[in-house]
Amino acid sequence: VMAWAVAAAGIWAVTGEMQVRFRRPLLVGESVTLR
């Protein structure tokens, strides 16, 4: 979702560094929205 946000801004790039924070579990079958 971040890569496509960059592409939508007209820029083609690769991930150089990424930091993720997991806040709660996601169960199989639970739909999510990505932003």
PDB file of all heavy atoms in Angstrom:
ATOM      1  N   VAL A   1       0.832  -1.205   0.000  1.00  0.00           N
ATOM      2  CA  VAL A   1       0.000   0.000   0.000  1.00  0.00           C
ATOM      3  C   VAL A   1       0.867   1.256   0.000  1.00  0.00           C
ATOM      4  O   VAL A   1       0.533   2.250  -0.652  1.00  0.00           O
ATOM      5  CB  VAL A   1      -1.044  -0.012   1.146  1.00  0.00           C
ATOM      6  CG1 VAL A   1      -0.430   0.290   2.510  1.00  0.00           C
ATOM      7  CG2 VAL A   1      -2.181   0.952   0.846  1.00  0.00           C
ATOM      8  N   MET A   2       1.992   1.228   0.676  1.00  0.00           N
ATOM      9  CA  MET A   2       2.882   2.390   0.656  1.00  0.00           C
ATOM     10  C   MET A   2       3.551   2.539  -0.713  1.00  0.00           C
ATOM     11  O   MET A   2       3.669   3.655  -1.222  1.00  0.00           O
ATOM     12  CB  MET A   2       3.914   2.292   1.775  1.00  0.00           C
ATOM     13  CG  MET A   2       3.321   2.468   3.164  1.00  0.00           C
ATOM     14  SD  MET A   2       4.564   2.527   4.482  1.00  0.00           S
ATOM     15  CE  MET A   2       5.197   0.845   4.464  1.00  0.00           C
ATOM     16  N   ALA A   3       3.975   1.430  -1.312  1.00  0.00           N
ATOM     17  CA  ALA A   3       4.605   1.488  -2.634  1.00  0.00           C
ATOM     18  C   ALA A   3       3.636   2.044  -3.674  1.00  0.00           C
ATOM     19  O   ALA A   3       4.023   2.853  -4.534  1.00  0.00           O
ATOM     20  CB  ALA A   3       5.101   0.104  -3.044  1.00  0.00           C
ATOM     21  N   TRP A   4       2.373   1.642  -3.605  1.00  0.00           N
ATOM     22  CA  TRP A   4       1.401   2.152  -4.570  1.00  0.00           C
ATOM     23  C   TRP A   4       1.030   3.602  -4.282  1.00  0.00           C
ATOM     24  O   TRP A   4       0.681   4.348  -5.199  1.00  0.00           O
ATOM     25  CB  TRP A   4       0.177   1.243  -4.651  1.00  0.00           C
ATOM     26  CG  TRP A   4       0.488   0.059  -5.497  1.00  0.00           C
ATOM     27  CD1 TRP A   4       0.767  -1.213  -5.086  1.00  0.00           C
ATOM     28  CD2 TRP A   4       0.637   0.050  -6.926  1.00  0.00           C
ATOM     29  NE1 TRP A   4       1.064  -2.013  -6.166  1.00  0.00           N
ATOM     30  CE2 TRP A   4       0.991  -1.271  -7.307  1.00  0.00           C
ATOM     31  CE3 TRP A   4       0.505   1.009  -7.913  1.00  0.00           C
ATOM     32  CZ2 TRP A   4       1.213  -1.628  -8.632  1.00  0.00           C
ATOM     33  CZ3 TRP A   4       0.723   0.652  -9.236  1.00  0.00           C
ATOM     34  CH2 TRP A   4       1.068  -0.659  -9.574  1.00  0.00           C
ATOM     35  N   ALA A   5       1.132   4.043  -3.022  1.00  0.00           N
ATOM     36  CA  ALA A   5       0.944   5.467  -2.721  1.00  0.00           C
ATOM     37  C   ALA A   5       2.052   6.279  -3.379  1.00  0.00           C
ATOM     38  O   ALA A   5       1.807   7.342  -3.950  1.00  0.00           O
ATOM     39  CB  ALA A   5       0.925   5.698  -1.208  1.00  0.00           C
ATOM     40  N   VAL A   6       3.270   5.761  -3.321  1.00  0.00           N
ATOM     41  CA  VAL A   6       4.408   6.426  -3.964  1.00  0.00           C
ATOM     42  C   VAL A   6       4.183   6.451  -5.483  1.00  0.00           C
ATOM     43  O   VAL A   6       4.366   7.487  -6.136  1.00  0.00           O
ATOM     44  CB  VAL A   6       5.736   5.733  -3.583  1.00  0.00           C
ATOM     45  CG1 VAL A   6       6.898   6.267  -4.404  1.00  0.00           C
ATOM     46  CG2 VAL A   6       6.009   5.903  -2.080  1.00  0.00           C
ATOM     47  N   ALA A   7       3.764   5.333  -6.058  1.00  0.00           N
ATOM     48  CA  ALA A   7       3.506   5.267  -7.502  1.00  0.00           C
ATOM     49  C   ALA A   7       2.376   6.220  -7.903  1.00  0.00           C
ATOM     50  O   ALA A   7       2.442   6.867  -8.953  1.00  0.00           O
ATOM     51  CB  ALA A   7       3.191   3.837  -7.921  1.00  0.00           C
ATOM     52  N   ALA A   8       1.346   6.325  -7.057  1.00  0.00           N
ATOM     53  CA  ALA A   8       0.234   7.234  -7.349  1.00  0.00           C
ATOM     54  C   ALA A   8       0.689   8.690  -7.346  1.00  0.00           C
ATOM     55  O   ALA A   8       0.075   9.539  -7.996  1.00  0.00           O
ATOM     56  CB  ALA A   8      -0.904   7.027  -6.341  1.00  0.00           C
ATOM     57  N   ALA A   9       1.776   8.962  -6.634  1.00  0.00           N
ATOM     58  CA  ALA A   9       2.358  10.308  -6.621  1.00  0.00           C
ATOM     59  C   ALA A   9       3.251  10.534  -7.842  1.00  0.00           C
ATOM     60  O   ALA A   9       3.894  11.578  -7.971  1.00  0.00           O
ATOM     61  CB  ALA A   9       3.144  10.526  -5.330  1.00  0.00           C
ATOM     62  N   GLY A  10       3.305   9.535  -8.737  1.00  0.00           N
ATOM     63  CA  GLY A  10       4.086   9.658  -9.956  1.00  0.00           C
ATOM     64  C   GLY A  10       5.550   9.298  -9.808  1.00  0.00           C
ATOM     65  O   GLY A  10       6.364   9.630 -10.657  1.00  0.00           O
ATOM     66  N   ILE A  11       5.868   8.571  -8.745  1.00  0.00           N
ATOM     67  CA  ILE A  11       7.253   8.206  -8.457  1.00  0.00           C
ATOM     68  C   ILE A  11       7.354   6.685  -8.395  1.00  0.00           C
ATOM     69  O   ILE A  11       6.554   6.035  -7.717  1.00  0.00           O
ATOM     70  CB  ILE A  11       7.710   8.797  -7.106  1.00  0.00           C
ATOM     71  CG1 ILE A  11       7.560  10.319  -7.121  1.00  0.00           C
ATOM     72  CG2 ILE A  11       9.139   8.386  -6.784  1.00  0.00           C
ATOM     73  CD1 ILE A  11       7.627  10.959  -5.757  1.00  0.00           C
ATOM     74  N   TRP A  12       8.334   6.118  -9.083  1.00  0.00           N
ATOM     75  CA  TRP A  12       8.573   4.677  -9.026  1.00  0.00           C
ATOM     76  C   TRP A  12       9.822   4.457  -8.189  1.00  0.00           C
ATOM     77  O   TRP A  12      10.882   5.018  -8.463  1.00  0.00           O
ATOM     78  CB  TRP A  12       8.697   4.106 -10.430  1.00  0.00           C
ATOM     79  CG  TRP A  12       7.346   4.096 -11.072  1.00  0.00           C
ATOM     80  CD1 TRP A  12       6.721   5.146 -11.681  1.00  0.00           C
ATOM     81  CD2 TRP A  12       6.426   3.024 -11.092  1.00  0.00           C
ATOM     82  NE1 TRP A  12       5.471   4.771 -12.099  1.00  0.00           N
ATOM     83  CE2 TRP A  12       5.259   3.465 -11.748  1.00  0.00           C
ATOM     84  CE3 TRP A  12       6.470   1.702 -10.626  1.00  0.00           C
ATOM     85  CZ2 TRP A  12       4.155   2.653 -11.955  1.00  0.00           C
ATOM     86  CZ3 TRP A  12       5.367   0.888 -10.844  1.00  0.00           C
ATOM     87  CH2 TRP A  12       4.222   1.371 -11.498  1.00  0.00           C
ATOM     88  N   ALA A  13       9.660   3.665  -7.136  1.00  0.00           N
ATOM     89  CA  ALA A  13      10.728   3.516  -6.158  1.00  0.00           C
ATOM     90  C   ALA A  13      10.650   2.142  -5.514  1.00  0.00           C
ATOM     91  O   ALA A  13       9.637   1.440  -5.632  1.00  0.00           O
ATOM     92  CB  ALA A  13      10.588   4.601  -5.082  1.00  0.00           C
ATOM     93  N   VAL A  14      11.717   1.771  -4.842  1.00  0.00           N
ATOM     94  CA  VAL A  14      11.769   0.515  -4.092  1.00  0.00           C
ATOM     95  C   VAL A  14      11.923   0.825  -2.616  1.00  0.00           C
ATOM     96  O   VAL A  14      12.406   1.890  -2.227  1.00  0.00           O
ATOM     97  CB  VAL A  14      12.928  -0.397  -4.565  1.00  0.00           C
ATOM     98  CG1 VAL A  14      12.693  -0.881  -5.981  1.00  0.00           C
ATOM     99  CG2 VAL A  14      14.257   0.320  -4.451  1.00  0.00           C
ATOM    100  N   THR A  15      11.507  -0.112  -1.784  1.00  0.00           N
ATOM    101  CA  THR A  15      11.600   0.068  -0.342  1.00  0.00           C
ATOM    102  C   THR A  15      13.052   0.004   0.098  1.00  0.00           C
ATOM    103  O   THR A  15      13.747  -0.965  -0.177  1.00  0.00           O
ATOM    104  CB  THR A  15      10.799  -1.041   0.383  1.00  0.00           C
ATOM    105  OG1 THR A  15       9.503  -1.126  -0.199  1.00  0.00           O
ATOM    106  CG2 THR A  15      10.697  -0.758   1.874  1.00  0.00           C
ATOM    107  N   GLY A  16      13.479   1.051   0.792  1.00  0.00           N
ATOM    108  CA  GLY A  16      14.838   1.079   1.329  1.00  0.00           C
ATOM    109  C   GLY A  16      14.863   0.686   2.797  1.00  0.00           C
ATOM    110  O   GLY A  16      15.805   0.050   3.274  1.00  0.00           O
ATOM    111  N   GLU A  17      13.807   1.055   3.492  1.00  0.00           N
ATOM    112  CA  GLU A  17      13.711   0.771   4.929  1.00  0.00           C
ATOM    113  C   GLU A  17      12.245   0.824   5.325  1.00  0.00           C
ATOM    114  O   GLU A  17      11.495   1.660   4.820  1.00  0.00           O
ATOM    115  CB  GLU A  17      14.495   1.840   5.689  1.00  0.00           C
ATOM    116  CG  GLU A  17      14.514   1.681   7.173  1.00  0.00           C
ATOM    117  CD  GLU A  17      15.378   2.772   7.816  1.00  0.00           C
ATOM    118  OE1 GLU A  17      16.610   2.631   7.792  1.00  0.00           O
ATOM    119  OE2 GLU A  17      14.795   3.761   8.311  1.00  0.00           O
ATOM    120  N   MET A  18      11.836  -0.072   6.227  1.00  0.00           N
ATOM    121  CA  MET A  18      10.448  -0.093   6.668  1.00  0.00           C
ATOM    122  C   MET A  18      10.389  -0.481   8.132  1.00  0.00           C
ATOM    123  O   MET A  18      11.094  -1.387   8.565  1.00  0.00           O
ATOM    124  CB  MET A  18       9.636  -1.090   5.825  1.00  0.00           C
ATOM    125  CG  MET A  18       8.163  -1.110   6.166  1.00  0.00           C
ATOM    126  SD  MET A  18       7.172  -2.074   4.982  1.00  0.00           S
ATOM    127  CE  MET A  18       7.281  -3.688   5.702  1.00  0.00           C
ATOM    128  N   GLN A  19       9.544   0.220   8.873  1.00  0.00           N
ATOM    129  CA  GLN A  19       9.322  -0.110  10.278  1.00  0.00           C
ATOM    130  C   GLN A  19       7.838  -0.386  10.468  1.00  0.00           C
ATOM    131  O   GLN A  19       6.996   0.420  10.068  1.00  0.00           O
ATOM    132  CB  GLN A  19       9.756   1.037  11.183  1.00  0.00           C
ATOM    133  CG  GLN A  19       9.599   0.715  12.649  1.00  0.00           C
ATOM    134  CD  GLN A  19      10.142   1.820  13.531  1.00  0.00           C
ATOM    135  OE1 GLN A  19      10.492   2.902  13.077  1.00  0.00           O
ATOM    136  NE2 GLN A  19      10.202   1.551  14.816  1.00  0.00           N
ATOM    137  N   VAL A  20       7.522  -1.536  11.085  1.00  0.00           N
ATOM    138  CA  VAL A  20       6.136  -1.962  11.279  1.00  0.00           C
ATOM    139  C   VAL A  20       5.844  -2.041  12.775  1.00  0.00           C
ATOM    140  O   VAL A  20       6.664  -2.532  13.548  1.00  0.00           O
ATOM    141  CB  VAL A  20       5.874  -3.345  10.631  1.00  0.00           C
ATOM    142  CG1 VAL A  20       4.437  -3.795  10.880  1.00  0.00           C
ATOM    143  CG2 VAL A  20       6.169  -3.293   9.142  1.00  0.00           C
ATOM    144  N   ARG A  21       4.655  -1.577  13.131  1.00  0.00           N
ATOM    145  CA  ARG A  21       4.176  -1.737  14.505  1.00  0.00           C
ATOM    146  C   ARG A  21       2.891  -2.549  14.465  1.00  0.00           C
ATOM    147  O   ARG A  21       1.893  -2.128  13.863  1.00  0.00           O
ATOM    148  CB  ARG A  21       3.910  -0.381  15.152  1.00  0.00           C
ATOM    149  CG  ARG A  21       3.397  -0.562  16.564  1.00  0.00           C
ATOM    150  CD  ARG A  21       3.397   0.714  17.348  1.00  0.00           C
ATOM    151  NE  ARG A  21       2.932   0.412  18.692  1.00  0.00           N
ATOM    152  CZ  ARG A  21       2.131   1.182  19.386  1.00  0.00           C
ATOM    153  NH1 ARG A  21       1.757   2.341  18.899  1.00  0.00           N
ATOM    154  NH2 ARG A  21       1.745   0.824  20.584  1.00  0.00           N
ATOM    155  N   PHE A  22       2.930  -3.711  15.085  1.00  0.00           N
ATOM    156  CA  PHE A  22       1.756  -4.583  15.165  1.00  0.00           C
ATOM    157  C   PHE A  22       0.987  -4.207  16.427  1.00  0.00           C
ATOM    158  O   PHE A  22       1.519  -4.267  17.527  1.00  0.00           O
ATOM    159  CB  PHE A  22       2.168  -6.058  15.212  1.00  0.00           C
ATOM    160  CG  PHE A  22       2.938  -6.481  13.993  1.00  0.00           C
ATOM    161  CD1 PHE A  22       4.323  -6.525  14.006  1.00  0.00           C
ATOM    162  CD2 PHE A  22       2.283  -6.816  12.829  1.00  0.00           C
ATOM    163  CE1 PHE A  22       5.043  -6.901  12.884  1.00  0.00           C
ATOM    164  CE2 PHE A  22       2.982  -7.193  11.692  1.00  0.00           C
ATOM    165  CZ  PHE A  22       4.370  -7.234  11.726  1.00  0.00           C
ATOM    166  N   ARG A  23      -0.276  -3.852  16.268  1.00  0.00           N
ATOM    167  CA  ARG A  23      -1.076  -3.378  17.403  1.00  0.00           C
ATOM    168  C   ARG A  23      -2.018  -4.443  17.958  1.00  0.00           C
ATOM    169  O   ARG A  23      -2.248  -4.497  19.149  1.00  0.00           O
ATOM    170  CB  ARG A  23      -1.866  -2.144  16.991  1.00  0.00           C
ATOM    171  CG  ARG A  23      -0.957  -0.978  16.633  1.00  0.00           C
ATOM    172  CD  ARG A  23      -1.764   0.180  16.072  1.00  0.00           C
ATOM    173  NE  ARG A  23      -0.917   1.311  15.819  1.00  0.00           N
ATOM    174  CZ  ARG A  23      -0.877   2.392  16.584  1.00  0.00           C
ATOM    175  NH1 ARG A  23      -1.621   2.474  17.653  1.00  0.00           N
ATOM    176  NH2 ARG A  23      -0.080   3.388  16.262  1.00  0.00           N
ATOM    177  N   ARG A  24      -2.580  -5.252  17.080  1.00  0.00           N
ATOM    178  CA  ARG A  24      -3.471  -6.334  17.517  1.00  0.00           C
ATOM    179  C   ARG A  24      -3.491  -7.399  16.433  1.00  0.00           C
ATOM    180  O   ARG A  24      -3.150  -7.129  15.292  1.00  0.00           O
ATOM    181  CB  ARG A  24      -4.882  -5.847  17.843  1.00  0.00           C
ATOM    182  CG  ARG A  24      -5.472  -4.823  16.961  1.00  0.00           C
ATOM    183  CD  ARG A  24      -6.789  -4.234  17.471  1.00  0.00           C
ATOM    184  NE  ARG A  24      -6.778  -3.526  18.725  1.00  0.00           N
ATOM    185  CZ  ARG A  24      -6.363  -2.268  18.926  1.00  0.00           C
ATOM    186  NH1 ARG A  24      -5.885  -1.567  17.929  1.00  0.00           N
ATOM    187  NH2 ARG A  24      -6.447  -1.704  20.094  1.00  0.00           N
ATOM    188  N   PRO A  25      -3.874  -8.613  16.800  1.00  0.00           N
ATOM    189  CA  PRO A  25      -3.878  -9.693  15.808  1.00  0.00           C
ATOM    190  C   PRO A  25      -4.985  -9.506  14.766  1.00  0.00           C
ATOM    191  O   PRO A  25      -6.017  -8.904  15.036  1.00  0.00           O
ATOM    192  CB  PRO A  25      -4.127 -10.957  16.630  1.00  0.00           C
ATOM    193  CG  PRO A  25      -4.583 -10.507  17.963  1.00  0.00           C
ATOM    194  CD  PRO A  25      -4.229  -9.071  18.139  1.00  0.00           C
ATOM    195  N   LEU A  26      -4.713 -10.059  13.592  1.00  0.00           N
ATOM    196  CA  LEU A  26      -5.705 -10.127  12.522  1.00  0.00           C
ATOM    197  C   LEU A  26      -6.014 -11.596  12.317  1.00  0.00           C
ATOM    198  O   LEU A  26      -5.103 -12.412  12.157  1.00  0.00           O
ATOM    199  CB  LEU A  26      -5.143  -9.517  11.235  1.00  0.00           C
ATOM    200  CG  LEU A  26      -6.036  -9.622   9.993  1.00  0.00           C
ATOM    201  CD1 LEU A  26      -7.360  -8.886  10.213  1.00  0.00           C
ATOM    202  CD2 LEU A  26      -5.306  -9.079   8.774  1.00  0.00           C
ATOM    203  N   LEU A  27      -7.295 -11.931  12.345  1.00  0.00           N
ATOM    204  CA  LEU A  27      -7.702 -13.321  12.185  1.00  0.00           C
ATOM    205  C   LEU A  27      -8.048 -13.617  10.728  1.00  0.00           C
ATOM    206  O   LEU A  27      -8.465 -12.726   9.975  1.00  0.00           O
ATOM    207  CB  LEU A  27      -8.898 -13.628  13.081  1.00  0.00           C
ATOM    208  CG  LEU A  27      -8.693 -13.382  14.580  1.00  0.00           C
ATOM    209  CD1 LEU A  27      -9.958 -13.720  15.348  1.00  0.00           C
ATOM    210  CD2 LEU A  27      -7.498 -14.147  15.112  1.00  0.00           C
ATOM    211  N   VAL A  28      -7.861 -14.861  10.351  1.00  0.00           N
ATOM    212  CA  VAL A  28      -8.243 -15.316   9.022  1.00  0.00           C
ATOM    213  C   VAL A  28      -9.724 -14.988   8.816  1.00  0.00           C
ATOM    214  O   VAL A  28     -10.546 -15.206   9.706  1.00  0.00           O
ATOM    215  CB  VAL A  28      -7.982 -16.835   8.881  1.00  0.00           C
ATOM    216  CG1 VAL A  28      -8.606 -17.377   7.605  1.00  0.00           C
ATOM    217  CG2 VAL A  28      -6.486 -17.107   8.935  1.00  0.00           C
ATOM    218  N   GLY A  29     -10.057 -14.436   7.656  1.00  0.00           N
ATOM    219  CA  GLY A  29     -11.442 -14.118   7.328  1.00  0.00           C
ATOM    220  C   GLY A  29     -11.889 -12.717   7.711  1.00  0.00           C
ATOM    221  O   GLY A  29     -12.975 -12.296   7.320  1.00  0.00           O
ATOM    222  N   GLU A  30     -11.075 -11.978   8.481  1.00  0.00           N
ATOM    223  CA  GLU A  30     -11.437 -10.612   8.861  1.00  0.00           C
ATOM    224  C   GLU A  30     -10.986  -9.634   7.768  1.00  0.00           C
ATOM    225  O   GLU A  30      -9.794  -9.507   7.505  1.00  0.00           O
ATOM    226  CB  GLU A  30     -10.775 -10.215  10.179  1.00  0.00           C
ATOM    227  CG  GLU A  30     -11.319 -10.928  11.387  1.00  0.00           C
ATOM    228  CD  GLU A  30     -10.709 -10.409  12.682  1.00  0.00           C
ATOM    229  OE1 GLU A  30      -9.485 -10.162  12.738  1.00  0.00           O
ATOM    230  OE2 GLU A  30     -11.481 -10.263  13.644  1.00  0.00           O
ATOM    231  N   SER A  31     -11.929  -8.948   7.167  1.00  0.00           N
ATOM    232  CA  SER A  31     -11.593  -7.991   6.117  1.00  0.00           C
ATOM    233  C   SER A  31     -10.946  -6.749   6.706  1.00  0.00           C
ATOM    234  O   SER A  31     -11.329  -6.290   7.787  1.00  0.00           O
ATOM    235  CB  SER A  31     -12.851  -7.584   5.344  1.00  0.00           C
ATOM    236  OG  SER A  31     -13.372  -8.704   4.659  1.00  0.00           O
ATOM    237  N   VAL A  32      -9.963  -6.238   5.965  1.00  0.00           N
ATOM    238  CA  VAL A  32      -9.273  -5.025   6.392  1.00  0.00           C
ATOM    239  C   VAL A  32      -9.226  -4.015   5.252  1.00  0.00           C
ATOM    240  O   VAL A  32      -9.301  -4.374   4.073  1.00  0.00           O
ATOM    241  CB  VAL A  32      -7.831  -5.310   6.880  1.00  0.00           C
ATOM    242  CG1 VAL A  32      -7.846  -6.081   8.190  1.00  0.00           C
ATOM    243  CG2 VAL A  32      -7.011  -6.036   5.822  1.00  0.00           C
ATOM    244  N   THR A  33      -9.104  -2.751   5.635  1.00  0.00           N
ATOM    245  CA  THR A  33      -8.839  -1.671   4.700  1.00  0.00           C
ATOM    246  C   THR A  33      -7.370  -1.307   4.848  1.00  0.00           C
ATOM    247  O   THR A  33      -6.861  -1.183   5.972  1.00  0.00           O
ATOM    248  CB  THR A  33      -9.717  -0.443   5.012  1.00  0.00           C
ATOM    249  OG1 THR A  33     -11.087  -0.804   4.840  1.00  0.00           O
ATOM    250  CG2 THR A  33      -9.380   0.723   4.096  1.00  0.00           C
ATOM    251  N   LEU A  34      -6.702  -1.150   3.728  1.00  0.00           N
ATOM    252  CA  LEU A  34      -5.311  -0.730   3.705  1.00  0.00           C
ATOM    253  C   LEU A  34      -5.279   0.717   3.248  1.00  0.00           C
ATOM    254  O   LEU A  34      -5.972   1.075   2.293  1.00  0.00           O
ATOM    255  CB  LEU A  34      -4.514  -1.583   2.723  1.00  0.00           C
ATOM    256  CG  LEU A  34      -4.731  -3.089   2.798  1.00  0.00           C
ATOM    257  CD1 LEU A  34      -4.012  -3.774   1.655  1.00  0.00           C
ATOM    258  CD2 LEU A  34      -4.268  -3.611   4.140  1.00  0.00           C
ATOM    259  N   ARG A  35      -4.484   1.531   3.920  1.00  0.00           N
ATOM    260  CA  ARG A  35      -4.336   2.930   3.523  1.00  0.00           C
ATOM    261  C   ARG A  35      -2.860   3.265   3.459  1.00  0.00           C
ATOM    262  O   ARG A  35      -2.097   2.899   4.356  1.00  0.00           O
ATOM    263  CB  ARG A  35      -5.020   3.866   4.515  1.00  0.00           C
ATOM    264  CG  ARG A  35      -6.513   3.749   4.519  1.00  0.00           C
ATOM    265  CD  ARG A  35      -7.150   4.823   5.369  1.00  0.00           C
ATOM    266  NE  ARG A  35      -8.572   4.573   5.459  1.00  0.00           N
ATOM    267  CZ  ARG A  35      -9.288   4.734   6.555  1.00  0.00           C
ATOM    268  NH1 ARG A  35      -8.733   5.171   7.659  1.00  0.00           N
ATOM    269  NH2 ARG A  35     -10.582   4.485   6.542  1.00  0.00           N
TER     270      ARG A  35
END
